[in-house]
PDB file of N, CA and C in Angstrom:
ATOM      1  N   MET A   1      16.130  -0.744   9.572  1.00  0.00           N
ATOM      2  CA  MET A   1      16.410  -0.103   8.541  1.00  0.00           C
ATOM      3  C   MET A   1      15.374   0.321   7.441  1.00  0.00           C
ATOM      4  N   GLY A   2      14.973  -1.564   6.968  1.00  0.00           N
ATOM      5  CA  GLY A   2      14.103  -2.044   5.767  1.00  0.00           C
ATOM      6  C   GLY A   2      13.030  -1.886   7.055  1.00  0.00           C
ATOM      7  N   CYS A   3      12.411  -2.238   7.875  1.00  0.00           N
ATOM      8  CA  CYS A   3      11.281  -1.212   9.158  1.00  0.00           C
ATOM      9  C   CYS A   3      10.723  -0.119   8.714  1.00  0.00           C
ATOM     10  N   ALA A   4      11.618   0.678   8.480  1.00  0.00           N
ATOM     11  CA  ALA A   4      11.578   2.343   8.643  1.00  0.00           C
ATOM     12  C   ALA A   4      10.383   2.761   7.244  1.00  0.00           C
ATOM     13  N   ARG A   5      11.474   1.808   5.922  1.00  0.00           N
ATOM     14  CA  ARG A   5      10.746   2.384   5.132  1.00  0.00           C
ATOM     15  C   ARG A   5       9.699   1.495   4.759  1.00  0.00           C
ATOM     16  N   ARG A   6      10.120   0.223   4.907  1.00  0.00           N
ATOM     17  CA  ARG A   6       8.557  -0.431   4.434  1.00  0.00           C
ATOM     18  C   ARG A   6       7.488   0.717   4.764  1.00  0.00           C
ATOM     19  N   ARG A   7       7.453   1.130   6.104  1.00  0.00           N
ATOM     20  CA  ARG A   7       6.516   1.053   7.036  1.00  0.00           C
ATOM     21  C   ARG A   7       6.260   2.749   6.167  1.00  0.00           C
ATOM     22  N   GLU A   8       7.091   3.073   5.573  1.00  0.00           N
ATOM     23  CA  GLU A   8       6.906   4.594   4.879  1.00  0.00           C
ATOM     24  C   GLU A   8       6.281   4.290   2.912  1.00  0.00           C
ATOM     25  N   CYS A   9       7.223   2.899   3.277  1.00  0.00           N
ATOM     26  CA  CYS A   9       5.605   2.668   1.713  1.00  0.00           C
ATOM     27  C   CYS A   9       4.546   2.312   1.711  1.00  0.00           C
ATOM     28  N   ARG A  10       4.469   1.999   2.827  1.00  0.00           N
ATOM     29  CA  ARG A  10       2.825   1.596   3.144  1.00  0.00           C
ATOM     30  C   ARG A  10       2.123   2.799   3.358  1.00  0.00           C
ATOM     31  N   GLU A  11       2.725   4.024   4.158  1.00  0.00           N
ATOM     32  CA  GLU A  11       2.569   4.987   4.911  1.00  0.00           C
ATOM     33  C   GLU A  11       2.026   6.042   3.397  1.00  0.00           C
ATOM     34  N   ALA A  12       2.787   6.330   2.251  1.00  0.00           N
ATOM     35  CA  ALA A  12       2.917   6.200   0.782  1.00  0.00           C
ATOM     36  C   ALA A  12       1.798   5.845   0.119  1.00  0.00           C
ATOM     37  N   THR A  13       1.438   4.226   0.157  1.00  0.00           N
ATOM     38  CA  THR A  13       0.587   4.232  -0.445  1.00  0.00           C
ATOM     39  C   THR A  13      -0.709   4.067   0.123  1.00  0.00           C
ATOM     40  N   HIS A  14      -1.274   4.572   1.783  1.00  0.00           N
ATOM     41  CA  HIS A  14      -2.045   5.300   1.890  1.00  0.00           C
ATOM     42  C   HIS A  14      -2.429   6.446   1.562  1.00  0.00           C
ATOM     43  N   TRP A  15      -1.438   7.194   1.448  1.00  0.00           N
ATOM     44  CA  TRP A  15      -1.431   8.389   1.110  1.00  0.00           C
ATOM     45  C   TRP A  15      -1.391   8.898  -0.198  1.00  0.00           C
ATOM     46  N   THR A  16      -2.237   7.712  -1.526  1.00  0.00           N
ATOM     47  CA  THR A  16      -2.809   7.998  -2.645  1.00  0.00           C
ATOM     48  C   THR A  16      -4.123   7.840  -3.124  1.00  0.00           C
ATOM     49  N   ALA A  17      -4.392   8.011  -1.609  1.00  0.00           N
ATOM     50  CA  ALA A  17      -6.490   7.373  -1.755  1.00  0.00           C
ATOM     51  C   ALA A  17      -6.627   8.879  -2.512  1.00  0.00           C
ATOM     52  N   PRO A  18      -6.678  10.279  -2.022  1.00  0.00           N
ATOM     53  CA  PRO A  18      -8.115  10.571  -3.020  1.00  0.00           C
ATOM     54  C   PRO A  18      -8.005  11.540  -3.884  1.00  0.00           C
ATOM     55  N   PRO A  19      -9.887  11.539  -4.595  1.00  0.00           N
ATOM     56  CA  PRO A  19      -9.560  11.869  -5.686  1.00  0.00           C
ATOM     57  C   PRO A  19      -8.218  12.374  -6.550  1.00  0.00           C
ATOM     58  N   HIS A  20      -7.242  13.527  -6.103  1.00  0.00           N
ATOM     59  CA  HIS A  20      -6.633  13.743  -7.184  1.00  0.00           C
ATOM     60  C   HIS A  20      -5.143  13.629  -7.143  1.00  0.00           C
ATOM     61  N   ARG A  21      -4.960  12.097  -6.577  1.00  0.00           N
ATOM     62  CA  ARG A  21      -4.686  10.918  -6.525  1.00  0.00           C
ATOM     63  C   ARG A  21      -4.862   9.667  -7.559  1.00  0.00           C
ATOM     64  N   VAL A  22      -5.186   9.122  -6.991  1.00  0.00           N
ATOM     65  CA  VAL A  22      -5.485   7.285  -7.766  1.00  0.00           C
ATOM     66  C   VAL A  22      -7.135   6.711  -7.629  1.00  0.00           C
ATOM     67  N   ASN A  23      -7.638   7.845  -6.321  1.00  0.00           N
ATOM     68  CA  ASN A  23      -8.930   8.191  -6.132  1.00  0.00           C
ATOM     69  C   ASN A  23      -9.753   6.547  -5.592  1.00  0.00           C
ATOM     70  N   ARG A  24      -8.430   6.335  -4.294  1.00  0.00           N
ATOM     71  CA  ARG A  24     -10.404   5.632  -3.506  1.00  0.00           C
ATOM     72  C   ARG A  24     -10.116   5.860  -2.541  1.00  0.00           C
ATOM     73  N   ASP A  25     -12.269   5.242  -2.129  1.00  0.00           N
ATOM     74  CA  ASP A  25     -13.429   5.716  -1.673  1.00  0.00           C
ATOM     75  C   ASP A  25     -12.551   5.131  -0.050  1.00  0.00           C
ATOM     76  N   LEU A  26     -12.748   6.244   0.810  1.00  0.00           N
ATOM     77  CA  LEU A  26     -12.008   6.183   2.314  1.00  0.00           C
ATOM     78  C   LEU A  26     -13.239   7.030   2.928  1.00  0.00           C
ATOM     79  N   SER A  27     -13.589   6.892   1.800  1.00  0.00           N
ATOM     80  CA  SER A  27     -15.259   7.197   2.969  1.00  0.00           C
ATOM     81  C   SER A  27     -15.663   6.937   4.277  1.00  0.00           C
ATOM     82  N   ARG A  28     -15.798   5.307   4.058  1.00  0.00           N
ATOM     83  CA  ARG A  28     -15.702   4.705   5.499  1.00  0.00           C
ATOM     84  C   ARG A  28     -15.267   4.315   5.924  1.00  0.00           C
ATOM     85  N   TYR A  29     -14.293   3.913   5.493  1.00  0.00           N
ATOM     86  CA  TYR A  29     -13.029   3.698   6.571  1.00  0.00           C
ATOM     87  C   TYR A  29     -12.831   4.091   8.183  1.00  0.00           C
ATOM     88  N   ALA A  30     -13.233   5.328   8.939  1.00  0.00           N
ATOM     89  CA  ALA A  30     -13.576   4.619   9.851  1.00  0.00           C
ATOM     90  C   ALA A  30     -14.518   4.410  10.804  1.00  0.00           C
ATOM     91  N   LYS A  31     -15.779   4.798   9.904  1.00  0.00           N
ATOM     92  CA  LYS A  31     -16.619   3.511  10.769  1.00  0.00           C
ATOM     93  C   LYS A  31     -16.996   1.637  10.290  1.00  0.00           C
ATOM     94  N   ASP A  32     -16.326   1.346   9.526  1.00  0.00           N
ATOM     95  CA  ASP A  32     -16.756   0.201   8.700  1.00  0.00           C
ATOM     96  C   ASP A  32     -15.346  -0.966   8.350  1.00  0.00           C
ATOM     97  N   ARG A  33     -15.430  -2.096   9.890  1.00  0.00           N
ATOM     98  CA  ARG A  33     -14.039  -2.718   9.699  1.00  0.00           C
ATOM     99  C   ARG A  33     -13.789  -3.055   8.428  1.00  0.00           C
ATOM    100  N   THR A  34     -14.722  -3.438   7.466  1.00  0.00           N
ATOM    101  CA  THR A  34     -14.255  -4.359   6.468  1.00  0.00           C
ATOM    102  C   THR A  34     -13.307  -3.369   5.535  1.00  0.00           C
ATOM    103  N   GLU A  35     -14.627  -1.874   5.955  1.00  0.00           N
ATOM    104  CA  GLU A  35     -13.315  -0.535   4.213  1.00  0.00           C
ATOM    105  C   GLU A  35     -11.908  -0.679   5.641  1.00  0.00           C
ATOM    106  N   ARG A  36     -11.795  -0.963   6.337  1.00  0.00           N
ATOM    107  CA  ARG A  36     -10.342  -0.275   7.312  1.00  0.00           C
ATOM    108  C   ARG A  36      -9.536  -2.325   6.261  1.00  0.00           C
ATOM    109  N   ALA A  37      -9.720  -2.936   6.588  1.00  0.00           N
ATOM    110  CA  ALA A  37      -9.239  -4.042   6.518  1.00  0.00           C
ATOM    111  C   ALA A  37      -9.155  -3.980   4.922  1.00  0.00           C
ATOM    112  N   ARG A  38     -10.243  -3.606   3.661  1.00  0.00           N
ATOM    113  CA  ARG A  38      -9.754  -3.639   2.641  1.00  0.00           C
ATOM    114  C   ARG A  38      -8.819  -2.461   2.367  1.00  0.00           C
ATOM    115  N   GLU A  39      -8.552  -1.539   3.094  1.00  0.00           N
ATOM    116  CA  GLU A  39      -7.006  -0.268   3.132  1.00  0.00           C
ATOM    117  C   GLU A  39      -6.437  -0.876   3.939  1.00  0.00           C
ATOM    118  N   GLU A  40      -5.985  -0.886   4.465  1.00  0.00           N
ATOM    119  CA  GLU A  40      -5.061  -2.096   4.803  1.00  0.00           C
ATOM    120  C   GLU A  40      -4.245  -2.513   4.322  1.00  0.00           C
ATOM    121  N   LEU A  41      -5.128  -3.532   4.012  1.00  0.00           N
ATOM    122  CA  LEU A  41      -4.256  -4.514   2.707  1.00  0.00           C
ATOM    123  C   LEU A  41      -3.680  -4.328   1.466  1.00  0.00           C
ATOM    124  N   ILE A  42      -4.179  -2.849   0.621  1.00  0.00           N
ATOM    125  CA  ILE A  42      -4.192  -2.636  -0.347  1.00  0.00           C
ATOM    126  C   ILE A  42      -2.731  -1.676   0.047  1.00  0.00           C
ATOM    127  N   ALA A  43      -2.920  -1.574   1.610  1.00  0.00           N
ATOM    128  CA  ALA A  43      -0.887  -0.981   1.690  1.00  0.00           C
ATOM    129  C   ALA A  43      -0.336  -1.500   2.166  1.00  0.00           C
ATOM    130  N   GLU A  44      -0.808  -2.808   2.650  1.00  0.00           N
ATOM    131  CA  GLU A  44       0.871  -4.078   2.369  1.00  0.00           C
ATOM    132  C   GLU A  44       0.602  -3.958   0.813  1.00  0.00           C
ATOM    133  N   LEU A  45      -0.023  -3.833   0.444  1.00  0.00           N
ATOM    134  CA  LEU A  45       0.473  -4.892  -1.126  1.00  0.00           C
ATOM    135  C   LEU A  45       0.996  -3.622  -1.576  1.00  0.00           C
ATOM    136  N   GLY A  46       1.037  -2.962  -1.637  1.00  0.00           N
ATOM    137  CA  GLY A  46       1.305  -2.014  -2.063  1.00  0.00           C
ATOM    138  C   GLY A  46       3.067  -1.067  -1.341  1.00  0.00           C
ATOM    139  N   SER A  47       2.841  -1.335  -0.410  1.00  0.00           N
ATOM    140  CA  SER A  47       3.999  -1.173   0.396  1.00  0.00           C
ATOM    141  C   SER A  47       5.129  -2.438  -0.187  1.00  0.00           C
ATOM    142  N   CYS A  48       4.435  -3.752   0.076  1.00  0.00           N
ATOM    143  CA  CYS A  48       5.552  -5.210  -0.848  1.00  0.00           C
ATOM    144  C   CYS A  48       6.055  -4.784  -2.107  1.00  0.00           C
ATOM    145  N   PHE A  49       5.388  -4.283  -3.055  1.00  0.00           N
ATOM    146  CA  PHE A  49       5.045  -3.915  -3.682  1.00  0.00           C
ATOM    147  C   PHE A  49       6.010  -3.055  -4.726  1.00  0.00           C
ATOM    148  N   LEU A  50       5.742  -1.942  -3.924  1.00  0.00           N
ATOM    149  CA  LEU A  50       7.568  -0.499  -3.769  1.00  0.00           C
ATOM    150  C   LEU A  50       8.503  -1.059  -3.444  1.00  0.00           C
ATOM    151  N   CYS A  51       7.886  -2.111  -2.199  1.00  0.00           N
ATOM    152  CA  CYS A  51       9.544  -2.403  -1.543  1.00  0.00           C
ATOM    153  C   CYS A  51      10.637  -3.534  -2.023  1.00  0.00           C
ATOM    154  N   ALA A  52       9.589  -4.247  -2.725  1.00  0.00           N
ATOM    155  CA  ALA A  52      10.481  -4.592  -4.398  1.00  0.00           C
ATOM    156  C   ALA A  52      10.948  -4.053  -5.560  1.00  0.00           C
ATOM    157  N   ASP A  53      10.202  -3.260  -5.658  1.00  0.00           N
ATOM    158  CA  ASP A  53      10.387  -1.904  -6.396  1.00  0.00           C
ATOM    159  C   ASP A  53      12.333  -1.657  -6.428  1.00  0.00           C
ATOM    160  N   LEU A  54      12.280  -1.310  -5.197  1.00  0.00           N
ATOM    161  CA  LEU A  54      12.925  -0.907  -4.592  1.00  0.00           C
ATOM    162  C   LEU A  54      14.631  -0.578  -3.771  1.00  0.00           C
ATOM    163  N   GLY A  55      14.636  -2.756  -3.984  1.00  0.00           N
ATOM    164  CA  GLY A  55      15.365  -3.264  -2.667  1.00  0.00           C
ATOM    165  C   GLY A  55      15.275  -3.615  -1.421  1.00  0.00           C
ATOM    166  N   ILE A  56      14.614  -2.716  -0.927  1.00  0.00           N
ATOM    167  CA  ILE A  56      14.073  -2.181   0.743  1.00  0.00           C
ATOM    168  C   ILE A  56      13.679  -4.322   0.975  1.00  0.00           C
ATOM    169  N   ALA A  57      14.469  -4.661   1.667  1.00  0.00           N
ATOM    170  CA  ALA A  57      14.890  -6.098   2.371  1.00  0.00           C
ATOM    171  C   ALA A  57      13.307  -5.711   3.275  1.00  0.00           C
ATOM    172  N   PRO A  58      12.888  -6.997   3.853  1.00  0.00           N
ATOM    173  CA  PRO A  58      11.303  -6.926   4.215  1.00  0.00           C
ATOM    174  C   PRO A  58      12.555  -7.781   5.723  1.00  0.00           C
ATOM    175  N   GLU A  59      11.314  -6.950   6.699  1.00  0.00           N
ATOM    176  CA  GLU A  59      11.553  -6.854   7.620  1.00  0.00           C
ATOM    177  C   GLU A  59      11.417  -8.590   8.910  1.00  0.00           C
ATOM    178  N   LEU A  60      12.251  -8.731   9.583  1.00  0.00           N
ATOM    179  CA  LEU A  60      12.610  -9.430  10.303  1.00  0.00           C
ATOM    180  C   LEU A  60      11.644 -10.362  11.104  1.00  0.00           C
ATOM    181  N   GLU A  61      10.761  -8.731  11.853  1.00  0.00           N
ATOM    182  CA  GLU A  61      10.452  -8.760  13.378  1.00  0.00           C
ATOM    183  C   GLU A  61       9.790  -8.734  13.041  1.00  0.00           C
ATOM    184  N   PRO A  62       8.257  -9.245  13.145  1.00  0.00           N
ATOM    185  CA  PRO A  62       6.453  -9.006  13.520  1.00  0.00           C
ATOM    186  C   PRO A  62       6.115  -8.038  15.088  1.00  0.00           C
ATOM    187  N   ARG A  63       5.847  -7.383  13.867  1.00  0.00           N
ATOM    188  CA  ARG A  63       5.242  -5.346  14.588  1.00  0.00           C
ATOM    189  C   ARG A  63       4.302  -6.320  15.487  1.00  0.00           C
ATOM    190  N   SER A  64       3.942  -5.989  16.685  1.00  0.00           N
ATOM    191  CA  SER A  64       2.237  -6.356  17.238  1.00  0.00           C
ATOM    192  C   SER A  64       1.168  -6.373  17.183  1.00  0.00           C
ATOM    193  N   ASP A  65       1.054  -5.366  16.354  1.00  0.00           N
ATOM    194  CA  ASP A  65       0.341  -4.670  15.050  1.00  0.00           C
ATOM    195  C   ASP A  65      -0.596  -5.815  14.138  1.00  0.00           C
ATOM    196  N   HIS A  66       0.317  -7.279  13.943  1.00  0.00           N
ATOM    197  CA  HIS A  66       0.164  -7.901  11.729  1.00  0.00           C
ATOM    198  C   HIS A  66      -0.105  -9.246  12.577  1.00  0.00           C
ATOM    199  N   ALA A  67      -1.552  -9.796  13.617  1.00  0.00           N
ATOM    200  CA  ALA A  67      -2.246 -10.378  14.158  1.00  0.00           C
ATOM    201  C   ALA A  67      -3.358  -9.450  13.910  1.00  0.00           C
ATOM    202  N   SER A  68      -3.279  -8.999  14.212  1.00  0.00           N
ATOM    203  CA  SER A  68      -5.215  -8.132  14.329  1.00  0.00           C
ATOM    204  C   SER A  68      -4.882  -7.962  12.558  1.00  0.00           C
ATOM    205  N   TYR A  69      -4.245  -7.169  12.191  1.00  0.00           N
ATOM    206  CA  TYR A  69      -4.248  -6.679  10.711  1.00  0.00           C
ATOM    207  C   TYR A  69      -5.031  -7.875   9.668  1.00  0.00           C
ATOM    208  N   ILE A  70      -3.560  -9.126  10.061  1.00  0.00           N
ATOM    209  CA  ILE A  70      -4.361 -10.359   9.024  1.00  0.00           C
ATOM    210  C   ILE A  70      -5.227 -11.051   8.978  1.00  0.00           C
ATOM    211  N   GLY A  71      -6.135 -11.962  10.392  1.00  0.00           N
ATOM    212  CA  GLY A  71      -7.195 -11.722  11.052  1.00  0.00           C
ATOM    213  C   GLY A  71      -7.758 -11.045  10.011  1.00  0.00           C
ATOM    214  N   SER A  72      -8.137  -9.537  10.214  1.00  0.00           N
ATOM    215  CA  SER A  72      -9.040  -8.842   9.437  1.00  0.00           C
ATOM    216  C   SER A  72      -9.042  -9.260   7.714  1.00  0.00           C
ATOM    217  N   TRP A  73      -7.731  -9.001   7.821  1.00  0.00           N
ATOM    218  CA  TRP A  73      -7.932  -9.822   5.986  1.00  0.00           C
ATOM    219  C   TRP A  73      -7.881 -11.133   6.135  1.00  0.00           C
ATOM    220  N   LEU A  74      -8.538 -11.338   6.059  1.00  0.00           N
ATOM    221  CA  LEU A  74      -8.844 -13.525   5.747  1.00  0.00           C
ATOM    222  C   LEU A  74      -9.769 -13.042   6.519  1.00  0.00           C
ATOM    223  N   LYS A  75     -10.997 -12.171   7.302  1.00  0.00           N
ATOM    224  CA  LYS A  75     -11.915 -11.920   7.304  1.00  0.00           C
ATOM    225  C   LYS A  75     -12.163 -11.582   6.070  1.00  0.00           C
ATOM    226  N   VAL A  76     -11.759 -10.507   5.360  1.00  0.00           N
ATOM    227  CA  VAL A  76     -11.807 -10.313   4.245  1.00  0.00           C
ATOM    228  C   VAL A  76     -12.182 -10.856   3.370  1.00  0.00           C
ATOM    229  N   LEU A  77     -10.230 -11.802   2.323  1.00  0.00           N
ATOM    230  CA  LEU A  77     -10.817 -12.544   1.861  1.00  0.00           C
ATOM    231  C   LEU A  77     -11.739 -13.832   1.863  1.00  0.00           C
ATOM    232  N   GLY A  78     -12.285 -13.891   3.777  1.00  0.00           N
ATOM    233  CA  GLY A  78     -13.083 -15.635   3.008  1.00  0.00           C
ATOM    234  C   GLY A  78     -14.078 -15.175   2.465  1.00  0.00           C
ATOM    235  N   ASP A  79     -14.243 -13.696   2.537  1.00  0.00           N
ATOM    236  CA  ASP A  79     -15.785 -13.031   2.690  1.00  0.00           C
ATOM    237  C   ASP A  79     -16.068 -12.186   0.867  1.00  0.00           C
ATOM    238  N   ASP A  80     -14.773 -12.663   0.330  1.00  0.00           N
ATOM    239  CA  ASP A  80     -15.028 -11.861  -1.194  1.00  0.00           C
ATOM    240  C   ASP A  80     -13.157 -12.865  -2.022  1.00  0.00           C
ATOM    241  N   LYS A  81     -13.690 -13.355  -2.767  1.00  0.00           N
ATOM    242  CA  LYS A  81     -13.401 -14.548  -3.731  1.00  0.00           C
ATOM    243  C   LYS A  81     -12.183 -13.097  -4.251  1.00  0.00           C
ATOM    244  N   ARG A  82     -12.616 -12.416  -4.299  1.00  0.00           N
ATOM    245  CA  ARG A  82     -12.191 -11.543  -5.596  1.00  0.00           C
ATOM    246  C   ARG A  82     -11.617  -9.704  -4.463  1.00  0.00           C
ATOM    247  N   ALA A  83     -10.921 -10.258  -3.731  1.00  0.00           N
ATOM    248  CA  ALA A  83     -10.705  -8.730  -2.710  1.00  0.00           C
ATOM    249  C   ALA A  83      -9.522  -9.338  -2.551  1.00  0.00           C
ATOM    250  N   ILE A  84      -8.801  -9.856  -3.059  1.00  0.00           N
ATOM    251  CA  ILE A  84      -7.511 -10.145  -3.486  1.00  0.00           C
ATOM    252  C   ILE A  84      -7.639  -9.526  -4.000  1.00  0.00           C
ATOM    253  N   PHE A  85      -8.179  -9.899  -6.288  1.00  0.00           N
ATOM    254  CA  PHE A  85      -7.342  -8.851  -6.571  1.00  0.00           C
ATOM    255  C   PHE A  85      -7.584  -7.900  -6.822  1.00  0.00           C
ATOM    256  N   ALA A  86      -8.730  -7.213  -6.225  1.00  0.00           N
ATOM    257  CA  ALA A  86      -9.125  -5.888  -6.563  1.00  0.00           C
ATOM    258  C   ALA A  86      -7.895  -5.083  -5.411  1.00  0.00           C
ATOM    259  N   ALA A  87      -7.452  -5.647  -4.036  1.00  0.00           N
ATOM    260  CA  ALA A  87      -6.586  -4.997  -3.059  1.00  0.00           C
ATOM    261  C   ALA A  87      -5.468  -5.022  -4.669  1.00  0.00           C
ATOM    262  N   ALA A  88      -4.939  -6.163  -4.724  1.00  0.00           N
ATOM    263  CA  ALA A  88      -3.768  -5.727  -6.010  1.00  0.00           C
ATOM    264  C   ALA A  88      -3.392  -4.659  -6.537  1.00  0.00           C
ATOM    265  N   ALA A  89      -4.928  -5.085  -7.501  1.00  0.00           N
ATOM    266  CA  ALA A  89      -4.944  -3.794  -8.499  1.00  0.00           C
ATOM    267  C   ALA A  89      -4.855  -2.494  -7.652  1.00  0.00           C
ATOM    268  N   HIS A  90      -5.733  -2.089  -7.150  1.00  0.00           N
ATOM    269  CA  HIS A  90      -5.256  -0.678  -6.146  1.00  0.00           C
ATOM    270  C   HIS A  90      -4.469  -0.155  -5.569  1.00  0.00           C
ATOM    271  N   ALA A  91      -3.228  -2.058  -5.196  1.00  0.00           N
ATOM    272  CA  ALA A  91      -1.496  -1.078  -4.469  1.00  0.00           C
ATOM    273  C   ALA A  91      -1.189  -0.906  -6.321  1.00  0.00           C
ATOM    274  N   GLN A  92      -1.547  -1.562  -7.249  1.00  0.00           N
ATOM    275  CA  GLN A  92      -0.782  -1.324  -8.101  1.00  0.00           C
ATOM    276  C   GLN A  92      -0.687  -0.326  -8.799  1.00  0.00           C
ATOM    277  N   ARG A  93      -1.681   0.312  -8.848  1.00  0.00           N
ATOM    278  CA  ARG A  93      -2.175   1.619  -9.281  1.00  0.00           C
ATOM    279  C   ARG A  93      -1.327   2.499  -8.547  1.00  0.00           C
ATOM    280  N   ALA A  94      -1.152   2.425  -6.709  1.00  0.00           N
ATOM    281  CA  ALA A  94      -0.894   3.371  -5.638  1.00  0.00           C
ATOM    282  C   ALA A  94       0.825   3.253  -6.417  1.00  0.00           C
ATOM    283  N   ALA A  95       0.742   2.355  -5.973  1.00  0.00           N
ATOM    284  CA  ALA A  95       3.047   2.030  -6.940  1.00  0.00           C
ATOM    285  C   ALA A  95       2.718   2.523  -8.023  1.00  0.00           C
ATOM    286  N   GLY A  96       2.334   2.467  -8.990  1.00  0.00           N
ATOM    287  CA  GLY A  96       2.542   3.303 -10.409  1.00  0.00           C
ATOM    288  C   GLY A  96       2.578   5.127 -10.011  1.00  0.00           C
ATOM    289  N   PHE A  97       1.053   5.288  -9.707  1.00  0.00           N
ATOM    290  CA  PHE A  97       0.963   6.837  -8.894  1.00  0.00           C
ATOM    291  C   PHE A  97       2.354   6.719  -8.331  1.00  0.00           C
ATOM    292  N   LEU A  98       3.404   6.652  -7.602  1.00  0.00           N
ATOM    293  CA  LEU A  98       4.438   6.904  -7.011  1.00  0.00           C
ATOM    294  C   LEU A  98       5.224   6.421  -7.884  1.00  0.00           C
ATOM    295  N   HIS A  99       5.636   5.872  -8.682  1.00  0.00           N
ATOM    296  CA  HIS A  99       6.241   6.029  -9.107  1.00  0.00           C
ATOM    297  C   HIS A  99       6.495   7.069 -10.418  1.00  0.00           C
ATOM    298  N   GLY A 100       5.246   7.710 -10.845  1.00  0.00           N
ATOM    299  CA  GLY A 100       5.408   8.597 -11.295  1.00  0.00           C
ATOM    300  C   GLY A 100       5.656   9.661 -10.676  1.00  0.00           C
ATOM    301  N   LEU A 101       5.770   9.710  -9.689  1.00  0.00           N
ATOM    302  CA  LEU A 101       6.002  11.179  -9.184  1.00  0.00           C
ATOM    303  C   LEU A 101       8.228  11.676  -8.943  1.00  0.00           C
ATOM    304  N   GLN A 102       8.752  10.198  -9.225  1.00  0.00           N
ATOM    305  CA  GLN A 102      10.205  10.228  -9.291  1.00  0.00           C
ATOM    306  C   GLN A 102      10.574  10.876 -10.094  1.00  0.00           C
ATOM    307  N   PRO A 103      11.398  11.775 -10.766  1.00  0.00           N
ATOM    308  CA  PRO A 103      11.978  12.311 -11.827  1.00  0.00           C
ATOM    309  C   PRO A 103      12.423  11.552 -12.824  1.00  0.00           C
ATOM    310  N   THR A 104      11.941  11.335 -13.668  1.00  0.00           N
ATOM    311  CA  THR A 104      13.084  10.381 -15.037  1.00  0.00           C
ATOM    312  C   THR A 104      15.114  10.609 -15.399  1.00  0.00           C
ATOM    313  N   ALA A 105      15.129  10.070 -15.855  1.00  0.00           N
ATOM    314  CA  ALA A 105      17.042  10.468 -15.648  1.00  0.00           C
ATOM    315  C   ALA A 105      17.167  11.155 -16.154  1.00  0.00           C
ATOM    316  N   ALA A 106      17.077  11.756 -17.210  1.00  0.00           N
ATOM    317  CA  ALA A 106      17.629  13.012 -17.947  1.00  0.00           C
ATOM    318  C   ALA A 106      16.809  14.302 -17.140  1.00  0.00           C
ATOM    319  N   GLN A 107      15.731  14.161 -16.354  1.00  0.00           N
ATOM    320  CA  GLN A 107      15.661  15.178 -15.580  1.00  0.00           C
ATOM    321  C   GLN A 107      16.605  15.134 -14.325  1.00  0.00           C
ATOM    322  N   VAL A 108      17.149  14.315 -13.956  1.00  0.00           N
ATOM    323  CA  VAL A 108      18.160  14.954 -13.075  1.00  0.00           C
ATOM    324  C   VAL A 108      19.644  15.124 -13.030  1.00  0.00           C
ATOM    325  N   SER A 109      19.668  14.765 -14.760  1.00  0.00           N
ATOM    326  CA  SER A 109      21.058  15.312 -15.482  1.00  0.00           C
ATOM    327  C   SER A 109      20.431  16.825 -16.098  1.00  0.00           C
ATOM    328  N   GLU A 110      20.100  17.284 -16.329  1.00  0.00           N
ATOM    329  CA  GLU A 110      19.680  18.186 -15.797  1.00  0.00           C
ATOM    330  C   GLU A 110      19.559  19.344 -15.212  1.00  0.00           C
ATOM    331  N   ALA A 111      19.337  18.899 -13.940  1.00  0.00           N
ATOM    332  CA  ALA A 111      19.412  19.330 -12.527  1.00  0.00           C
ATOM    333  C   ALA A 111      21.205  19.171 -12.009  1.00  0.00           C
ATOM    334  N   ALA A 112      21.805  18.049 -12.573  1.00  0.00           N
ATOM    335  CA  ALA A 112      23.025  17.911 -12.196  1.00  0.00           C
ATOM    336  C   ALA A 112      23.949  19.494 -12.610  1.00  0.00           C
TER     337      ALA A 112
END
């Protein structure tokens, strides 16, 4: 269950990218491996933030694509010492946007 929820959190983080949400530029995602690695790192961090906030346990079995993701992240992080800070800031902004979509306690009780 945790694995599926974690993947959903990851995809939700990707979903936040368009200009009418948090405005991450993905125009070079398909053509530039470095930009793809940056976005995937943002999605992974966003997923971690959301899972921690929601109490979703980490998956115990690594996915088959984890090694290639980690390799691409290490290249980005090695080439740009500030990349982790930028990725974390983007991930936090995405998580904050997603949390903002949740109804407040008052809205929930009004609906009940």
